[in-house]
Structures are given as structure tokens and as C-alpha cells.
Amino acid sequence: MQPAIQHVIRALAEDGRDGAQGIAEYAIDTFAASCPTEGDRALALDILLRDLASLRGVAPHLAAFVGRIEAYVTRLKAVKRPLIVAEAA
């Protein structure tokens, strides 16, 4: 069973509406931000890239959209997540 993020990306690719790529990128950002550690984030993004490559094989008609999303994930992997510092009350 695929995680929800892959279902979201596939549904957006299938729909093909304007803004679908931006929504997919936002979903990926949210997905990556939910990872508790940098190592978990890196692993999750690697798995996402693998699943996107698989989606391209299963649904070749979505290859252009999936390719753009893969490029986004690759760029996202190169950026370290900023540390969130809680403000003192």
C-alpha cells in the first residue's frame, strides 16, 4: 500500500488542473516537515523518489508531471531543514 503522499501526487497528476504542481509541492513540503529527524526526512524523500519512479513506470502518461515533482524532491533533499527554536515565554 502506498503512503498518502503518493496518492495525492497521482491524483493531482491525473487531474491535470492549473496549480496542481504547486499543490503537490506544498504536500511534499508538509510531508517532509512532519519527519522528526533529518535522517528520517532524508529517508522519506528517498523513498518518495523511488515511488515516483515506480509511478512513472505504471502510468507513463503521467511522466512529465512526475518528472517535475521528482526534480522538486531532489532540490528539496539538497536543502537542510531549518531548526525550529521555541521562543521563551
PDB file of N, CA and C in Angstrom:
ATOM      1  N   MET A   1       0.845  -1.187   0.000  1.00  0.00           N
ATOM      2  CA  MET A   1       0.000   0.000   0.000  1.00  0.00           C
ATOM      3  C   MET A   1       0.886   1.244   0.000  1.00  0.00           C
ATOM      4  N   GLN A   2       0.581   2.203  -0.842  1.00  0.00           N
ATOM      5  CA  GLN A   2       1.348   3.431  -0.925  1.00  0.00           C
ATOM      6  C   GLN A   2       0.937   4.396   0.182  1.00  0.00           C
ATOM      7  N   PRO A   3       1.897   5.153   0.723  1.00  0.00           N
ATOM      8  CA  PRO A   3       1.534   6.207   1.674  1.00  0.00           C
ATOM      9  C   PRO A   3       0.649   7.251   1.001  1.00  0.00           C
ATOM     10  N   ALA A   4      -0.028   8.025   1.788  1.00  0.00           N
ATOM     11  CA  ALA A   4      -0.988   9.002   1.276  1.00  0.00           C
ATOM     12  C   ALA A   4      -0.351  10.010   0.323  1.00  0.00           C
ATOM     13  N   ILE A   5       0.907  10.379   0.551  1.00  0.00           N
ATOM     14  CA  ILE A   5       1.537  11.389  -0.297  1.00  0.00           C
ATOM     15  C   ILE A   5       1.589  10.939  -1.758  1.00  0.00           C
ATOM     16  N   GLN A   6       1.841   9.661  -1.996  1.00  0.00           N
ATOM     17  CA  GLN A   6       1.866   9.163  -3.369  1.00  0.00           C
ATOM     18  C   GLN A   6       0.473   9.212  -3.999  1.00  0.00           C
ATOM     19  N   HIS A   7      -0.530   8.937  -3.208  1.00  0.00           N
ATOM     20  CA  HIS A   7      -1.911   9.007  -3.718  1.00  0.00           C
ATOM     21  C   HIS A   7      -2.269  10.448  -4.090  1.00  0.00           C
ATOM     22  N   VAL A   8      -1.843  11.384  -3.264  1.00  0.00           N
ATOM     23  CA  VAL A   8      -2.116  12.796  -3.540  1.00  0.00           C
ATOM     24  C   VAL A   8      -1.440  13.215  -4.846  1.00  0.00           C
ATOM     25  N   ILE A   9      -0.172  12.856  -4.998  1.00  0.00           N
ATOM     26  CA  ILE A   9       0.567  13.235  -6.205  1.00  0.00           C
ATOM     27  C   ILE A   9      -0.046  12.605  -7.446  1.00  0.00           C
ATOM     28  N   ARG A  10      -0.415  11.343  -7.359  1.00  0.00           N
ATOM     29  CA  ARG A  10      -1.025  10.693  -8.517  1.00  0.00           C
ATOM     30  C   ARG A  10      -2.360  11.333  -8.877  1.00  0.00           C
ATOM     31  N   ALA A  11      -3.171  11.625  -7.851  1.00  0.00           N
ATOM     32  CA  ALA A  11      -4.466  12.253  -8.111  1.00  0.00           C
ATOM     33  C   ALA A  11      -4.291  13.621  -8.762  1.00  0.00           C
ATOM     34  N   LEU A  12      -3.311  14.388  -8.291  1.00  0.00           N
ATOM     35  CA  LEU A  12      -3.050  15.699  -8.896  1.00  0.00           C
ATOM     36  C   LEU A  12      -2.560  15.553 -10.329  1.00  0.00           C
ATOM     37  N   ALA A  13      -1.704  14.566 -10.573  1.00  0.00           N
ATOM     38  CA  ALA A  13      -1.200  14.329 -11.933  1.00  0.00           C
ATOM     39  C   ALA A  13      -2.334  13.911 -12.863  1.00  0.00           C
ATOM     40  N   GLU A  14      -3.193  13.048 -12.389  1.00  0.00           N
ATOM     41  CA  GLU A  14      -4.321  12.572 -13.201  1.00  0.00           C
ATOM     42  C   GLU A  14      -5.284  13.717 -13.520  1.00  0.00           C
ATOM     43  N   ASP A  15      -5.500  14.600 -12.549  1.00  0.00           N
ATOM     44  CA  ASP A  15      -6.446  15.696 -12.709  1.00  0.00           C
ATOM     45  C   ASP A  15      -5.953  16.722 -13.722  1.00  0.00           C
ATOM     46  N   GLY A  16      -4.677  17.075 -13.636  1.00  0.00           N
ATOM     47  CA  GLY A  16      -4.076  17.966 -14.612  1.00  0.00           C
ATOM     48  C   GLY A  16      -4.523  19.417 -14.570  1.00  0.00           C
ATOM     49  N   ARG A  17      -5.096  19.858 -13.477  1.00  0.00           N
ATOM     50  CA  ARG A  17      -5.548  21.247 -13.373  1.00  0.00           C
ATOM     51  C   ARG A  17      -4.385  22.207 -13.193  1.00  0.00           C
ATOM     52  N   ASP A  18      -4.633  23.467 -13.523  1.00  0.00           N
ATOM     53  CA  ASP A  18      -3.656  24.505 -13.242  1.00  0.00           C
ATOM     54  C   ASP A  18      -3.409  24.544 -11.737  1.00  0.00           C
ATOM     55  N   GLY A  19      -2.168  24.708 -11.355  1.00  0.00           N
ATOM     56  CA  GLY A  19      -1.826  24.769  -9.939  1.00  0.00           C
ATOM     57  C   GLY A  19      -1.565  23.428  -9.295  1.00  0.00           C
ATOM     58  N   ALA A  20      -1.729  22.342 -10.051  1.00  0.00           N
ATOM     59  CA  ALA A  20      -1.538  21.007  -9.478  1.00  0.00           C
ATOM     60  C   ALA A  20      -0.112  20.812  -8.985  1.00  0.00           C
ATOM     61  N   GLN A  21       0.861  21.334  -9.720  1.00  0.00           N
ATOM     62  CA  GLN A  21       2.248  21.172  -9.307  1.00  0.00           C
ATOM     63  C   GLN A  21       2.505  21.912  -7.996  1.00  0.00           C
ATOM     64  N   GLY A  22       1.985  23.100  -7.853  1.00  0.00           N
ATOM     65  CA  GLY A  22       2.151  23.854  -6.610  1.00  0.00           C
ATOM     66  C   GLY A  22       1.525  23.146  -5.428  1.00  0.00           C
ATOM     67  N   ILE A  23       0.365  22.547  -5.635  1.00  0.00           N
ATOM     68  CA  ILE A  23      -0.292  21.800  -4.562  1.00  0.00           C
ATOM     69  C   ILE A  23       0.536  20.576  -4.201  1.00  0.00           C
ATOM     70  N   ALA A  24       1.070  19.890  -5.198  1.00  0.00           N
ATOM     71  CA  ALA A  24       1.916  18.718  -4.941  1.00  0.00           C
ATOM     72  C   ALA A  24       3.173  19.118  -4.170  1.00  0.00           C
ATOM     73  N   GLU A  25       3.779  20.234  -4.548  1.00  0.00           N
ATOM     74  CA  GLU A  25       4.979  20.705  -3.848  1.00  0.00           C
ATOM     75  C   GLU A  25       4.656  21.052  -2.398  1.00  0.00           C
ATOM     76  N   TYR A  26       3.519  21.685  -2.170  1.00  0.00           N
ATOM     77  CA  TYR A  26       3.099  22.005  -0.809  1.00  0.00           C
ATOM     78  C   TYR A  26       2.882  20.723   0.003  1.00  0.00           C
ATOM     79  N   ALA A  27       2.249  19.726  -0.605  1.00  0.00           N
ATOM     80  CA  ALA A  27       2.022  18.455   0.079  1.00  0.00           C
ATOM     81  C   ALA A  27       3.355  17.790   0.439  1.00  0.00           C
ATOM     82  N   ILE A  28       4.325  17.871  -0.465  1.00  0.00           N
ATOM     83  CA  ILE A  28       5.637  17.281  -0.205  1.00  0.00           C
ATOM     84  C   ILE A  28       6.346  18.047   0.902  1.00  0.00           C
ATOM     85  N   ASP A  29       6.258  19.367   0.890  1.00  0.00           N
ATOM     86  CA  ASP A  29       6.858  20.171   1.960  1.00  0.00           C
ATOM     87  C   ASP A  29       6.277  19.790   3.315  1.00  0.00           C
ATOM     88  N   THR A  30       4.970  19.643   3.372  1.00  0.00           N
ATOM     89  CA  THR A  30       4.295  19.271   4.609  1.00  0.00           C
ATOM     90  C   THR A  30       4.710  17.875   5.049  1.00  0.00           C
ATOM     91  N   PHE A  31       4.781  16.954   4.099  1.00  0.00           N
ATOM     92  CA  PHE A  31       5.218  15.585   4.363  1.00  0.00           C
ATOM     93  C   PHE A  31       6.640  15.576   4.931  1.00  0.00           C
ATOM     94  N   ALA A  32       7.544  16.318   4.307  1.00  0.00           N
ATOM     95  CA  ALA A  32       8.942  16.354   4.751  1.00  0.00           C
ATOM     96  C   ALA A  32       9.067  17.012   6.120  1.00  0.00           C
ATOM     97  N   ALA A  33       8.276  18.050   6.363  1.00  0.00           N
ATOM     98  CA  ALA A  33       8.338  18.759   7.638  1.00  0.00           C
ATOM     99  C   ALA A  33       7.844  17.903   8.801  1.00  0.00           C
ATOM    100  N   SER A  34       7.036  16.901   8.503  1.00  0.00           N
ATOM    101  CA  SER A  34       6.498  16.049   9.572  1.00  0.00           C
ATOM    102  C   SER A  34       7.507  15.012  10.062  1.00  0.00           C
ATOM    103  N   CYS A  35       8.622  14.878   9.394  1.00  0.00           N
ATOM    104  CA  CYS A  35       9.644  13.906   9.804  1.00  0.00           C
ATOM    105  C   CYS A  35      10.364  14.428  11.040  1.00  0.00           C
ATOM    106  N   PRO A  36      10.503  13.583  12.066  1.00  0.00           N
ATOM    107  CA  PRO A  36      11.071  14.072  13.332  1.00  0.00           C
ATOM    108  C   PRO A  36      12.564  14.384  13.299  1.00  0.00           C
ATOM    109  N   THR A  37      13.332  13.734  12.443  1.00  0.00           N
ATOM    110  CA  THR A  37      14.771  13.988  12.383  1.00  0.00           C
ATOM    111  C   THR A  37      15.204  14.204  10.941  1.00  0.00           C
ATOM    112  N   GLU A  38      16.395  14.767  10.784  1.00  0.00           N
ATOM    113  CA  GLU A  38      16.935  14.979   9.439  1.00  0.00           C
ATOM    114  C   GLU A  38      17.137  13.647   8.722  1.00  0.00           C
ATOM    115  N   GLY A  39      17.553  12.618   9.473  1.00  0.00           N
ATOM    116  CA  GLY A  39      17.735  11.295   8.880  1.00  0.00           C
ATOM    117  C   GLY A  39      16.423  10.702   8.391  1.00  0.00           C
ATOM    118  N   ASP A  40      15.373  10.864   9.183  1.00  0.00           N
ATOM    119  CA  ASP A  40      14.050  10.384   8.767  1.00  0.00           C
ATOM    120  C   ASP A  40      13.566  11.123   7.529  1.00  0.00           C
ATOM    121  N   ARG A  41      13.834  12.422   7.487  1.00  0.00           N
ATOM    122  CA  ARG A  41      13.427  13.235   6.345  1.00  0.00           C
ATOM    123  C   ARG A  41      14.149  12.762   5.073  1.00  0.00           C
ATOM    124  N   ALA A  42      15.455  12.551   5.188  1.00  0.00           N
ATOM    125  CA  ALA A  42      16.232  12.099   4.029  1.00  0.00           C
ATOM    126  C   ALA A  42      15.725  10.751   3.534  1.00  0.00           C
ATOM    127  N   LEU A  43      15.454   9.836   4.468  1.00  0.00           N
ATOM    128  CA  LEU A  43      14.948   8.515   4.093  1.00  0.00           C
ATOM    129  C   LEU A  43      13.563   8.617   3.451  1.00  0.00           C
ATOM    130  N   ALA A  44      12.699   9.429   4.028  1.00  0.00           N
ATOM    131  CA  ALA A  44      11.344   9.582   3.489  1.00  0.00           C
ATOM    132  C   ALA A  44      11.382  10.156   2.075  1.00  0.00           C
ATOM    133  N   LEU A  45      12.256  11.131   1.841  1.00  0.00           N
ATOM    134  CA  LEU A  45      12.348  11.713   0.498  1.00  0.00           C
ATOM    135  C   LEU A  45      12.958  10.729  -0.495  1.00  0.00           C
ATOM    136  N   ASP A  46      13.911   9.905  -0.049  1.00  0.00           N
ATOM    137  CA  ASP A  46      14.459   8.861  -0.924  1.00  0.00           C
ATOM    138  C   ASP A  46      13.379   7.854  -1.316  1.00  0.00           C
ATOM    139  N   ILE A  47      12.589   7.457  -0.353  1.00  0.00           N
ATOM    140  CA  ILE A  47      11.500   6.513  -0.623  1.00  0.00           C
ATOM    141  C   ILE A  47      10.480   7.144  -1.563  1.00  0.00           C
ATOM    142  N   LEU A  48      10.191   8.423  -1.352  1.00  0.00           N
ATOM    143  CA  LEU A  48       9.261   9.119  -2.233  1.00  0.00           C
ATOM    144  C   LEU A  48       9.786   9.142  -3.669  1.00  0.00           C
ATOM    145  N   LEU A  49      11.075   9.411  -3.839  1.00  0.00           N
ATOM    146  CA  LEU A  49      11.657   9.388  -5.185  1.00  0.00           C
ATOM    147  C   LEU A  49      11.540   8.010  -5.827  1.00  0.00           C
ATOM    148  N   ARG A  50      11.772   6.974  -5.046  1.00  0.00           N
ATOM    149  CA  ARG A  50      11.644   5.608  -5.571  1.00  0.00           C
ATOM    150  C   ARG A  50      10.206   5.340  -6.008  1.00  0.00           C
ATOM    151  N   ASP A  51       9.261   5.756  -5.184  1.00  0.00           N
ATOM    152  CA  ASP A  51       7.855   5.528  -5.509  1.00  0.00           C
ATOM    153  C   ASP A  51       7.405   6.353  -6.710  1.00  0.00           C
ATOM    154  N   LEU A  52       7.951   7.547  -6.852  1.00  0.00           N
ATOM    155  CA  LEU A  52       7.617   8.356  -8.028  1.00  0.00           C
ATOM    156  C   LEU A  52       8.159   7.711  -9.302  1.00  0.00           C
ATOM    157  N   ALA A  53       9.356   7.140  -9.227  1.00  0.00           N
ATOM    158  CA  ALA A  53       9.914   6.434 -10.386  1.00  0.00           C
ATOM    159  C   ALA A  53       9.033   5.237 -10.742  1.00  0.00           C
ATOM    160  N   SER A  54       8.534   4.562  -9.735  1.00  0.00           N
ATOM    161  CA  SER A  54       7.630   3.432  -9.963  1.00  0.00           C
ATOM    162  C   SER A  54       6.329   3.907 -10.606  1.00  0.00           C
ATOM    163  N   LEU A  55       5.822   5.044 -10.139  1.00  0.00           N
ATOM    164  CA  LEU A  55       4.589   5.597 -10.710  1.00  0.00           C
ATOM    165  C   LEU A  55       4.774   5.928 -12.182  1.00  0.00           C
ATOM    166  N   ARG A  56       5.934   6.442 -12.524  1.00  0.00           N
ATOM    167  CA  ARG A  56       6.210   6.752 -13.931  1.00  0.00           C
ATOM    168  C   ARG A  56       6.147   5.482 -14.776  1.00  0.00           C
ATOM    169  N   GLY A  57       6.618   4.370 -14.233  1.00  0.00           N
ATOM    170  CA  GLY A  57       6.571   3.105 -14.959  1.00  0.00           C
ATOM    171  C   GLY A  57       5.164   2.556 -15.098  1.00  0.00           C
ATOM    172  N   VAL A  58       4.369   2.722 -14.055  1.00  0.00           N
ATOM    173  CA  VAL A  58       2.998   2.196 -14.039  1.00  0.00           C
ATOM    174  C   VAL A  58       2.065   3.070 -14.867  1.00  0.00           C
ATOM    175  N   ALA A  59       2.311   4.384 -14.841  1.00  0.00           N
ATOM    176  CA  ALA A  59       1.434   5.325 -15.535  1.00  0.00           C
ATOM    177  C   ALA A  59       2.284   6.265 -16.399  1.00  0.00           C
ATOM    178  N   PRO A  60       2.778   5.771 -17.529  1.00  0.00           N
ATOM    179  CA  PRO A  60       3.678   6.583 -18.352  1.00  0.00           C
ATOM    180  C   PRO A  60       3.055   7.890 -18.857  1.00  0.00           C
ATOM    181  N   HIS A  61       1.740   7.952 -18.918  1.00  0.00           N
ATOM    182  CA  HIS A  61       1.083   9.182 -19.353  1.00  0.00           C
ATOM    183  C   HIS A  61       1.253  10.320 -18.339  1.00  0.00           C
ATOM    184  N   LEU A  62       1.726   9.993 -17.137  1.00  0.00           N
ATOM    185  CA  LEU A  62       1.950  11.000 -16.104  1.00  0.00           C
ATOM    186  C   LEU A  62       3.422  11.381 -15.983  1.00  0.00           C
ATOM    187  N   ALA A  63       4.253  10.874 -16.888  1.00  0.00           N
ATOM    188  CA  ALA A  63       5.707  11.018 -16.774  1.00  0.00           C
ATOM    189  C   ALA A  63       6.162  12.478 -16.693  1.00  0.00           C
ATOM    190  N   ALA A  64       5.576  13.366 -17.442  1.00  0.00           N
ATOM    191  CA  ALA A  64       6.023  14.764 -17.430  1.00  0.00           C
ATOM    192  C   ALA A  64       5.784  15.397 -16.061  1.00  0.00           C
ATOM    193  N   PHE A  65       4.592  15.203 -15.527  1.00  0.00           N
ATOM    194  CA  PHE A  65       4.269  15.750 -14.209  1.00  0.00           C
ATOM    195  C   PHE A  65       5.151  15.117 -13.146  1.00  0.00           C
ATOM    196  N   VAL A  66       5.266  13.807 -13.173  1.00  0.00           N
ATOM    197  CA  VAL A  66       6.072  13.093 -12.187  1.00  0.00           C
ATOM    198  C   VAL A  66       7.528  13.540 -12.270  1.00  0.00           C
ATOM    199  N   GLY A  67       8.041  13.754 -13.458  1.00  0.00           N
ATOM    200  CA  GLY A  67       9.415  14.221 -13.622  1.00  0.00           C
ATOM    201  C   GLY A  67       9.643  15.568 -12.964  1.00  0.00           C
ATOM    202  N   ARG A  68       8.680  16.477 -13.107  1.00  0.00           N
ATOM    203  CA  ARG A  68       8.802  17.789 -12.465  1.00  0.00           C
ATOM    204  C   ARG A  68       8.775  17.663 -10.947  1.00  0.00           C
ATOM    205  N   ILE A  69       7.949  16.757 -10.441  1.00  0.00           N
ATOM    206  CA  ILE A  69       7.871  16.551  -8.994  1.00  0.00           C
ATOM    207  C   ILE A  69       9.154  15.882  -8.488  1.00  0.00           C
ATOM    208  N   GLU A  70       9.691  14.944  -9.251  1.00  0.00           N
ATOM    209  CA  GLU A  70      10.973  14.318  -8.871  1.00  0.00           C
ATOM    210  C   GLU A  70      12.076  15.371  -8.786  1.00  0.00           C
ATOM    211  N   ALA A  71      12.103  16.292  -9.724  1.00  0.00           N
ATOM    212  CA  ALA A  71      13.108  17.365  -9.710  1.00  0.00           C
ATOM    213  C   ALA A  71      12.934  18.238  -8.466  1.00  0.00           C
ATOM    214  N   TYR A  72      11.694  18.511  -8.088  1.00  0.00           N
ATOM    215  CA  TYR A  72      11.435  19.295  -6.882  1.00  0.00           C
ATOM    216  C   TYR A  72      11.936  18.567  -5.641  1.00  0.00           C
ATOM    217  N   VAL A  73      11.644  17.275  -5.543  1.00  0.00           N
ATOM    218  CA  VAL A  73      12.083  16.489  -4.385  1.00  0.00           C
ATOM    219  C   VAL A  73      13.610  16.454  -4.321  1.00  0.00           C
ATOM    220  N   THR A  74      14.250  16.326  -5.450  1.00  0.00           N
ATOM    221  CA  THR A  74      15.712  16.314  -5.488  1.00  0.00           C
ATOM    222  C   THR A  74      16.271  17.640  -4.977  1.00  0.00           C
ATOM    223  N   ARG A  75      15.673  18.752  -5.388  1.00  0.00           N
ATOM    224  CA  ARG A  75      16.116  20.054  -4.881  1.00  0.00           C
ATOM    225  C   ARG A  75      15.849  20.179  -3.390  1.00  0.00           C
ATOM    226  N   LEU A  76      14.715  19.664  -2.940  1.00  0.00           N
ATOM    227  CA  LEU A  76      14.356  19.720  -1.526  1.00  0.00           C
ATOM    228  C   LEU A  76      15.337  18.917  -0.675  1.00  0.00           C
ATOM    229  N   LYS A  77      15.791  17.793  -1.208  1.00  0.00           N
ATOM    230  CA  LYS A  77      16.755  16.969  -0.476  1.00  0.00           C
ATOM    231  C   LYS A  77      18.066  17.709  -0.242  1.00  0.00           C
ATOM    232  N   ALA A  78      18.425  18.604  -1.140  1.00  0.00           N
ATOM    233  CA  ALA A  78      19.692  19.325  -1.033  1.00  0.00           C
ATOM    234  C   ALA A  78      19.646  20.428   0.032  1.00  0.00           C
ATOM    235  N   VAL A  79      18.452  20.794   0.457  1.00  0.00           N
ATOM    236  CA  VAL A  79      18.287  21.862   1.442  1.00  0.00           C
ATOM    237  C   VAL A  79      18.063  21.240   2.811  1.00  0.00           C
ATOM    238  N   LYS A  80      18.887  21.632   3.754  1.00  0.00           N
ATOM    239  CA  LYS A  80      18.699  21.146   5.123  1.00  0.00           C
ATOM    240  C   LYS A  80      17.524  21.874   5.747  1.00  0.00           C
ATOM    241  N   ARG A  81      16.782  21.147   6.539  1.00  0.00           N
ATOM    242  CA  ARG A  81      15.621  21.714   7.222  1.00  0.00           C
ATOM    243  C   ARG A  81      16.108  22.661   8.313  1.00  0.00           C
ATOM    244  N   PRO A  82      15.533  23.855   8.404  1.00  0.00           N
ATOM    245  CA  PRO A  82      15.956  24.777   9.468  1.00  0.00           C
ATOM    246  C   PRO A  82      15.511  24.261  10.835  1.00  0.00           C
ATOM    247  N   LEU A  83      16.341  24.525  11.823  1.00  0.00           N
ATOM    248  CA  LEU A  83      15.974  24.145  13.173  1.00  0.00           C
ATOM    249  C   LEU A  83      14.906  25.089  13.692  1.00  0.00           C
ATOM    250  N   ILE A  84      13.928  24.551  14.380  1.00  0.00           N
ATOM    251  CA  ILE A  84      12.858  25.361  14.945  1.00  0.00           C
ATOM    252  C   ILE A  84      13.197  25.579  16.416  1.00  0.00           C
ATOM    253  N   VAL A  85      13.346  26.816  16.784  1.00  0.00           N
ATOM    254  CA  VAL A  85      13.688  27.159  18.159  1.00  0.00           C
ATOM    255  C   VAL A  85      12.459  27.733  18.819  1.00  0.00           C
ATOM    256  N   ALA A  86      12.068  27.098  19.935  1.00  0.00           N
ATOM    257  CA  ALA A  86      10.892  27.575  20.652  1.00  0.00           C
ATOM    258  C   ALA A  86      11.238  28.881  21.369  1.00  0.00           C
ATOM    259  N   GLU A  87      10.310  29.809  21.304  1.00  0.00           N
ATOM    260  CA  GLU A  87      10.517  31.098  21.983  1.00  0.00           C
ATOM    261  C   GLU A  87      10.290  30.928  23.464  1.00  0.00           C
ATOM    262  N   ALA A  88      11.095  31.626  24.245  1.00  0.00           N
ATOM    263  CA  ALA A  88      10.912  31.610  25.707  1.00  0.00           C
ATOM    264  C   ALA A  88       9.679  32.430  26.044  1.00  0.00           C
ATOM    265  N   ALA A  89       8.898  31.942  26.967  1.00  0.00           N
ATOM    266  CA  ALA A  89       7.653  32.637  27.325  1.00  0.00           C
ATOM    267  C   ALA A  89       7.907  33.795  28.252  1.00  0.00           C
TER     268      ALA A  89
END
